[in-house]
Amino acid sequence: MKKIGEKLSFKKGRDAGSIVHVGEKKTEKVKMMIIEYNEKTYNIRDIDSVSDITVNKEKGMNTWLDIVGIHDVNIIAEVGNVFGLHPLILEDICNTNQRPKIEIDEDYAFITLKMMHFNREKDEIFPEHISIIHGNNLVITFQETEGDDFLAIIGRILNEHKAIRKSGADYLVYSLLDSIVDGYLEILEKVGEKIEEIEEVLMTGADRETYNRIHHIQKEMIYLRRNIWPMREIIGRQAKGESRLIKNSTMIYFRDIQDHIMQILEIIDLYRDILAGMIGVYLAIINNRMNQIMKVLTIITTIFIPLSFIAGIYGMNFKFMPEIEWKYGYFTILGFMGTVAIFMLFYFKRKKWF
């Protein structure tokens, strides 16, 4: 998972619109693929060079250009020149720290957001920076890594009986956003399982590792909320039809995503409350454990106070102390001290102090 505080000083000394890749290089080579489709046919081909990119102008034909790898700013700039994208848009595409947002222009709409993945080996959430350009019968997606998240959408395009084949590019944008939002729900399901595991551990006791796990999940929830909260505006503006590229028949689908976003935010807030409560339970367990330890130490100290007093008196060894010369004095004093200790233990037990 990314740190909550991210470096934002990369633009210092640069002109606005300077294309700089910010983030890790997650793929060696930029891969490009074009999918052209309509209700009757489809065509999929890989692109080796930006100069090979062509858009089918046939009426009713939709084009999806998928670009995997945003570290090569030269290729991103060339793509921007081909489709007339503003330099500030290209800058946001290459900046993995960019806050999720939507910008609507006359010719296209630009969306940037985070797709969330779950690393089973490290047991943590990690984000992927995704950008979407929605033009007239055109969709361009920019991904950091090649994954399986959009494969289901490609499979639906290959199936002529699916609604996506009969719809326009706006429905493709909906499908992409819906897939990303569904990924959020899957992540939250895994987080819920982790919280249940920690709750079971808390019932049997708690240690420092338990606290660290709770704190880690809390940080994940903060990061998720920070990146999902702006999705309300992204989906909301689409659902209201602020972009002329969104058809009235497609707005209802964006409203459905909007409902999912609100549900996700409610779950995140619920988990944050549960985690805060678990921190309280952990601290209560630790305090109770400390109180038990202090109770035992206090009882031991209390028992030894009179014993130390007796030992202190007879440790002075004054010459005229009457018991010094007594034959059974040592054993008598030991017996008396033992009797005092046993009496005090019995008294504390009767008072239910331990």
Protein backbone atom coordinates (compact mmCIF):
# COMPACT_ATOMS: atom_id res chain seq x y z
CA MET A 1 0.00 0.00 0.00
CA LYS A 2 1.19 3.50 -0.79
CA LYS A 3 2.08 5.88 2.01
CA ILE A 4 -0.64 8.29 3.06
CA GLY A 5 1.72 11.23 2.62
CA GLU A 6 3.04 11.29 -0.93
CA LYS A 7 5.69 13.48 -2.50
CA LEU A 8 4.13 16.37 -4.39
CA SER A 9 7.23 18.44 -5.15
CA PHE A 10 8.05 16.80 -8.51
CA LYS A 11 6.66 19.82 -10.41
CA LYS A 12 9.01 22.32 -8.78
CA GLY A 13 10.79 24.33 -11.45
CA ARG A 14 8.83 22.77 -14.34
CA ASP A 15 6.35 24.32 -16.73
CA ALA A 16 2.69 23.41 -16.41
CA GLY A 17 1.95 20.50 -18.70
CA SER A 18 5.45 19.02 -18.48
CA ILE A 19 5.02 15.28 -18.91
CA VAL A 20 6.94 13.52 -16.14
CA HIS A 21 6.37 9.97 -14.97
CA VAL A 22 5.85 9.92 -11.21
CA GLY A 23 5.85 6.48 -9.60
CA GLU A 24 7.37 3.07 -10.09
CA LYS A 25 8.12 1.55 -13.46
CA LYS A 26 5.86 -1.52 -13.38
CA THR A 27 6.35 -2.89 -16.90
CA GLU A 28 9.37 -3.07 -19.15
CA LYS A 29 7.69 -2.25 -22.44
CA VAL A 30 4.60 -0.27 -23.33
CA LYS A 31 1.95 -2.50 -24.89
CA MET A 32 -0.90 -1.21 -27.04
CA MET A 33 -3.98 -2.98 -28.28
CA ILE A 34 -6.94 -1.76 -30.36
CA ILE A 35 -10.39 -3.33 -30.24
CA GLU A 36 -12.89 -2.18 -32.86
CA TYR A 37 -16.44 -3.45 -32.61
CA ASN A 38 -20.08 -2.88 -33.35
CA GLU A 39 -23.18 -5.04 -33.10
CA LYS A 40 -22.22 -7.19 -36.09
CA THR A 41 -18.42 -7.51 -35.98
CA TYR A 42 -15.23 -6.94 -34.00
CA ASN A 43 -11.51 -6.72 -34.65
CA ILE A 44 -8.64 -6.99 -32.18
CA ARG A 45 -5.03 -6.19 -33.02
CA ASP A 46 -1.81 -5.33 -31.20
CA ILE A 47 -0.04 -2.05 -32.01
CA ASP A 48 3.76 -1.88 -32.14
CA SER A 49 4.07 1.86 -32.77
CA VAL A 50 1.94 4.93 -32.23
CA SER A 51 2.16 5.62 -35.97
CA ASP A 52 0.19 2.40 -36.55
CA ILE A 53 -2.80 3.67 -34.59
CA THR A 54 -5.84 4.18 -36.78
CA VAL A 55 -9.42 4.82 -35.80
CA ASN A 56 -12.24 3.27 -37.80
CA LYS A 57 -14.57 6.11 -38.79
CA GLU A 58 -17.33 3.78 -39.92
CA LYS A 59 -20.67 4.78 -38.47
CA GLY A 60 -21.58 2.78 -35.37
CA MET A 61 -18.04 1.38 -34.97
CA ASN A 62 -16.53 1.80 -31.49
CA THR A 63 -12.77 1.89 -30.89
CA TRP A 64 -11.04 0.95 -27.63
CA LEU A 65 -7.31 1.68 -27.43
CA ASP A 66 -5.74 0.03 -24.38
CA ILE A 67 -2.24 1.19 -23.40
CA VAL A 68 -0.34 -0.73 -20.72
CA GLY A 69 2.64 1.16 -19.31
CA ILE A 70 2.77 4.89 -18.58
CA HIS A 71 6.47 5.23 -17.79
CA ASP A 72 7.49 6.05 -21.38
CA VAL A 73 6.51 9.73 -21.58
CA ASN A 74 7.51 9.93 -25.26
CA ILE A 75 4.88 7.37 -26.25
CA ILE A 76 2.28 9.07 -24.07
CA ALA A 77 3.11 12.39 -25.73
CA GLU A 78 2.78 10.84 -29.20
CA VAL A 79 -0.60 9.39 -28.32
CA GLY A 80 -1.63 12.82 -27.06
CA ASN A 81 -0.62 14.38 -30.37
CA VAL A 82 -2.59 11.81 -32.35
CA PHE A 83 -5.81 12.41 -30.43
CA GLY A 84 -5.33 16.09 -29.58
CA LEU A 85 -5.08 15.66 -25.80
CA HIS A 86 -4.12 18.66 -23.68
CA PRO A 87 -0.61 18.53 -22.10
CA LEU A 88 -2.12 18.89 -18.62
CA ILE A 89 -4.15 15.74 -19.29
CA LEU A 90 -1.00 13.89 -20.35
CA GLU A 91 0.73 15.11 -17.20
CA ASP A 92 -2.04 13.65 -15.02
CA ILE A 93 -1.90 10.36 -16.93
CA CYS A 94 1.78 9.90 -16.03
CA ASN A 95 1.43 11.09 -12.43
CA THR A 96 0.48 8.11 -10.28
CA ASN A 97 -0.04 10.43 -7.29
CA GLN A 98 -2.82 12.29 -9.09
CA ARG A 99 -6.05 12.55 -7.13
CA PRO A 100 -9.04 10.81 -8.81
CA LYS A 101 -11.01 13.32 -10.86
CA ILE A 102 -13.02 13.94 -14.02
CA GLU A 103 -12.61 16.72 -16.56
CA ILE A 104 -15.20 17.22 -19.30
CA ASP A 105 -14.22 18.98 -22.52
CA GLU A 106 -16.19 19.61 -25.68
CA ASP A 107 -14.46 16.78 -27.54
CA TYR A 108 -13.71 14.28 -24.78
CA ALA A 109 -14.00 13.48 -21.09
CA PHE A 110 -10.94 12.61 -19.02
CA ILE A 111 -11.18 10.36 -15.96
CA THR A 112 -8.31 9.35 -13.69
CA LEU A 113 -8.74 7.06 -10.70
CA LYS A 114 -7.22 4.18 -8.77
CA MET A 115 -7.85 0.50 -9.35
CA MET A 116 -7.22 -1.53 -6.19
CA HIS A 117 -5.55 -4.94 -6.07
CA PHE A 118 -4.88 -7.35 -3.22
CA ASN A 119 -1.45 -8.92 -2.78
CA ARG A 120 -2.00 -12.28 -1.10
CA GLU A 121 1.71 -12.84 -0.39
CA LYS A 122 2.14 -9.52 1.43
CA ASP A 123 -1.47 -9.50 2.66
CA GLU A 124 -1.95 -5.87 1.68
CA ILE A 125 -3.72 -3.58 -0.78
CA PHE A 126 -1.85 -1.84 -3.57
CA PRO A 127 -3.22 0.65 -6.13
CA GLU A 128 -2.89 0.96 -9.89
CA HIS A 129 -3.20 4.34 -11.60
CA ILE A 130 -5.85 4.21 -14.34
CA SER A 131 -6.79 6.93 -16.82
CA ILE A 132 -9.69 6.87 -19.28
CA ILE A 133 -10.26 9.13 -22.28
CA HIS A 134 -13.84 9.07 -23.59
CA GLY A 135 -14.32 10.56 -27.03
CA ASN A 136 -16.84 10.20 -29.83
CA ASN A 137 -17.05 6.43 -30.41
CA LEU A 138 -13.58 6.24 -28.83
CA VAL A 139 -12.23 5.06 -25.49
CA ILE A 140 -8.54 5.15 -24.52
CA THR A 141 -7.38 3.47 -21.32
CA PHE A 142 -3.96 3.88 -19.70
CA GLN A 143 -2.86 1.20 -17.24
CA GLU A 144 0.32 0.77 -15.21
CA THR A 145 0.42 -3.02 -15.47
CA GLU A 146 -1.11 -5.77 -17.56
CA GLY A 147 -3.74 -7.62 -15.56
CA ASP A 148 -6.95 -9.60 -15.75
CA ASP A 149 -9.30 -6.84 -14.62
CA PHE A 150 -10.49 -5.83 -18.10
CA LEU A 151 -10.36 -9.33 -19.63
CA ALA A 152 -13.99 -9.95 -18.73
CA ILE A 153 -14.98 -6.82 -20.66
CA ILE A 154 -12.99 -7.98 -23.69
CA GLY A 155 -14.78 -11.33 -23.42
CA ARG A 156 -18.15 -9.58 -23.49
CA ILE A 157 -17.11 -7.68 -26.60
CA LEU A 158 -16.28 -10.97 -28.30
CA ASN A 159 -19.80 -12.21 -27.52
CA GLU A 160 -22.23 -10.71 -30.00
CA HIS A 161 -25.16 -11.37 -27.69
CA LYS A 162 -23.89 -9.05 -24.95
CA ALA A 163 -25.32 -5.55 -24.48
CA ILE A 164 -21.90 -3.95 -24.86
CA ARG A 165 -21.78 -4.94 -28.54
CA LYS A 166 -25.10 -3.19 -29.18
CA SER A 167 -24.15 -0.02 -27.27
CA GLY A 168 -21.79 2.89 -27.79
CA ALA A 169 -18.51 3.97 -26.26
CA ASP A 170 -20.33 5.42 -23.25
CA TYR A 171 -21.47 1.93 -22.27
CA LEU A 172 -17.85 0.75 -22.55
CA VAL A 173 -16.81 3.52 -20.14
CA TYR A 174 -19.57 2.39 -17.78
CA SER A 175 -18.33 -1.21 -18.01
CA LEU A 176 -14.76 -0.16 -17.20
CA LEU A 177 -15.82 1.93 -14.21
CA ASP A 178 -18.18 -0.79 -13.00
CA SER A 179 -15.35 -3.33 -13.13
CA ILE A 180 -13.11 -1.03 -11.07
CA VAL A 181 -15.84 -0.39 -8.49
CA ASP A 182 -16.58 -4.13 -8.24
CA GLY A 183 -12.89 -4.53 -7.45
CA TYR A 184 -13.34 -2.19 -4.48
CA LEU A 185 -16.10 -4.45 -3.14
CA GLU A 186 -13.87 -7.53 -3.50
CA ILE A 187 -11.11 -5.73 -1.58
CA LEU A 188 -13.53 -4.82 1.21
CA GLU A 189 -14.67 -8.46 1.44
CA LYS A 190 -11.05 -9.50 2.06
CA VAL A 191 -10.64 -6.70 4.60
CA GLY A 192 -13.80 -7.91 6.35
CA GLU A 193 -12.31 -11.42 6.59
CA LYS A 194 -9.13 -9.99 8.11
CA ILE A 195 -11.16 -8.02 10.67
CA GLU A 196 -13.08 -11.17 11.66
CA GLU A 197 -9.78 -13.01 12.18
CA ILE A 198 -8.50 -10.24 14.43
CA GLU A 199 -11.76 -10.22 16.42
CA GLU A 200 -11.30 -13.94 17.16
CA VAL A 201 -7.74 -13.26 18.33
CA LEU A 202 -8.96 -10.47 20.60
CA MET A 203 -11.41 -12.86 22.25
CA THR A 204 -8.56 -15.14 23.31
CA GLY A 205 -6.02 -12.44 24.10
CA ALA A 206 -3.97 -9.83 22.29
CA ASP A 207 -0.34 -9.02 21.67
CA ARG A 208 1.67 -6.33 19.89
CA GLU A 209 1.30 -8.11 16.55
CA THR A 210 -2.49 -7.86 16.85
CA TYR A 211 -2.25 -4.13 17.42
CA ASN A 212 0.06 -3.75 14.41
CA ARG A 213 -2.43 -5.58 12.18
CA ILE A 214 -5.30 -3.37 13.35
CA HIS A 215 -3.24 -0.24 12.77
CA HIS A 216 -2.23 -1.45 9.30
CA ILE A 217 -5.85 -2.05 8.29
CA GLN A 218 -6.77 1.39 9.64
CA LYS A 219 -4.20 2.96 7.32
CA GLU A 220 -5.59 0.93 4.41
CA MET A 221 -9.10 2.20 5.15
CA ILE A 222 -7.87 5.80 5.22
CA TYR A 223 -6.12 5.31 1.88
CA LEU A 224 -9.15 3.62 0.33
CA ARG A 225 -11.52 6.33 1.49
CA ARG A 226 -9.27 9.08 0.22
CA ASN A 227 -9.24 7.54 -3.26
CA ILE A 228 -12.87 6.37 -3.38
CA TRP A 229 -14.47 9.54 -2.00
CA PRO A 230 -13.74 11.55 -5.24
CA MET A 231 -15.47 8.77 -7.20
CA ARG A 232 -18.79 10.27 -6.06
CA GLU A 233 -18.11 13.31 -8.22
CA ILE A 234 -16.73 11.27 -11.12
CA ILE A 235 -19.75 8.97 -11.31
CA GLY A 236 -22.22 11.67 -10.28
CA ARG A 237 -21.31 13.97 -13.16
CA GLN A 238 -21.61 11.07 -15.57
CA ALA A 239 -24.97 10.08 -14.12
CA LYS A 240 -26.26 13.64 -14.53
CA GLY A 241 -25.27 13.65 -18.18
CA GLU A 242 -22.89 16.60 -17.94
CA SER A 243 -20.94 15.08 -20.81
CA ARG A 244 -22.69 15.13 -24.16
CA LEU A 245 -21.02 11.80 -24.88
CA ILE A 246 -23.22 10.02 -22.31
CA LYS A 247 -26.56 8.92 -23.75
CA ASN A 248 -29.73 9.17 -21.70
CA SER A 249 -30.16 5.40 -21.88
CA THR A 250 -26.73 4.91 -20.25
CA MET A 251 -27.17 7.35 -17.36
CA ILE A 252 -29.18 4.80 -15.35
CA TYR A 253 -26.15 2.49 -15.35
CA PHE A 254 -23.94 5.23 -13.95
CA ARG A 255 -26.54 5.84 -11.25
CA ASP A 256 -26.22 2.18 -10.35
CA ILE A 257 -22.45 2.61 -9.92
CA GLN A 258 -23.19 5.69 -7.82
CA ASP A 259 -25.23 3.54 -5.44
CA HIS A 260 -22.34 1.07 -5.20
CA ILE A 261 -19.93 3.90 -4.38
CA MET A 262 -22.15 5.07 -1.53
CA GLN A 263 -22.40 1.50 -0.26
CA ILE A 264 -18.61 1.16 -0.37
CA LEU A 265 -18.11 4.40 1.55
CA GLU A 266 -20.61 3.25 4.18
CA ILE A 267 -18.74 -0.07 4.55
CA ILE A 268 -15.42 1.77 4.88
CA ASP A 269 -16.85 4.03 7.60
CA LEU A 270 -18.30 0.96 9.35
CA TYR A 271 -14.93 -0.81 9.24
CA ARG A 272 -13.19 2.29 10.57
CA ASP A 273 -15.60 2.36 13.52
CA ILE A 274 -15.09 -1.36 14.15
CA LEU A 275 -11.30 -0.96 14.01
CA ALA A 276 -11.45 2.01 16.39
CA GLY A 277 -13.50 -0.15 18.76
CA MET A 278 -10.99 -2.97 18.42
CA ILE A 279 -8.19 -0.58 19.37
CA GLY A 280 -10.23 0.30 22.44
CA VAL A 281 -10.71 -3.39 23.27
CA TYR A 282 -6.99 -4.04 22.78
CA LEU A 283 -6.05 -1.18 25.11
CA ALA A 284 -8.61 -2.39 27.66
CA ILE A 285 -7.13 -5.91 27.53
CA ILE A 286 -3.61 -4.54 27.95
CA ASN A 287 -4.72 -2.30 30.83
CA ASN A 288 -6.55 -5.17 32.49
CA ARG A 289 -3.49 -7.37 32.08
CA MET A 290 -1.34 -4.64 33.58
CA ASN A 291 -3.80 -4.20 36.45
CA GLN A 292 -3.62 -7.93 37.18
CA ILE A 293 0.17 -7.77 37.23
CA MET A 294 0.12 -4.70 39.46
CA LYS A 295 -2.39 -6.42 41.78
CA VAL A 296 -0.11 -9.42 42.22
CA LEU A 297 2.93 -7.22 42.79
CA THR A 298 0.98 -5.08 45.27
CA ILE A 299 -0.14 -8.17 47.22
CA ILE A 300 3.41 -9.48 47.33
CA THR A 301 4.71 -6.09 48.44
CA THR A 302 2.01 -5.78 51.10
CA ILE A 303 2.82 -9.22 52.49
CA PHE A 304 6.52 -8.40 52.73
CA ILE A 305 5.99 -5.03 54.46
CA PRO A 306 5.43 -6.53 57.99
CA LEU A 307 8.01 -9.24 57.29
CA SER A 308 10.56 -6.58 56.36
CA PHE A 309 9.63 -4.64 59.49
CA ILE A 310 10.28 -7.67 61.71
CA ALA A 311 13.50 -8.54 59.88
CA GLY A 312 14.62 -4.90 60.17
CA ILE A 313 14.12 -4.84 63.93
CA TYR A 314 16.11 -8.00 64.53
CA GLY A 315 18.68 -7.04 61.99
CA MET A 316 19.89 -4.18 64.21
CA ASN A 317 21.77 -6.66 66.45
CA PHE A 318 21.86 -4.47 69.55
CA LYS A 319 23.81 -6.08 72.37
CA PHE A 320 21.02 -6.08 74.95
CA MET A 321 18.18 -7.33 72.71
CA PRO A 322 16.57 -10.10 74.84
CA GLU A 323 15.85 -12.46 71.94
CA ILE A 324 19.45 -12.43 70.67
CA GLU A 325 20.63 -14.94 73.25
CA TRP A 326 17.48 -17.09 73.13
CA LYS A 327 18.13 -20.61 71.86
CA TYR A 328 14.91 -20.87 69.79
CA GLY A 329 14.65 -17.19 68.83
CA TYR A 330 15.63 -17.63 65.15
CA PHE A 331 13.10 -20.40 64.47
CA THR A 332 10.43 -18.62 66.46
CA ILE A 333 10.78 -15.43 64.45
CA LEU A 334 10.74 -17.38 61.15
CA GLY A 335 7.57 -19.17 62.25
CA PHE A 336 5.97 -15.92 63.31
CA MET A 337 6.83 -14.31 59.94
CA GLY A 338 5.40 -17.33 58.09
CA THR A 339 2.22 -17.14 60.15
CA VAL A 340 1.82 -13.43 59.33
CA ALA A 341 2.28 -14.14 55.59
CA ILE A 342 -0.27 -16.97 55.59
CA PHE A 343 -2.79 -14.90 57.57
CA MET A 344 -2.48 -12.01 55.10
CA LEU A 345 -2.92 -14.34 52.10
CA PHE A 346 -6.02 -15.82 53.69
CA TYR A 347 -7.38 -12.35 54.44
CA PHE A 348 -6.80 -11.12 50.86
CA LYS A 349 -8.43 -14.24 49.48
CA ARG A 350 -11.46 -13.78 51.72
CA LYS A 351 -11.78 -10.19 50.51
CA LYS A 352 -11.56 -11.51 46.91
CA TRP A 353 -8.68 -9.20 46.11
CA PHE A 354 -7.16 -11.90 43.95
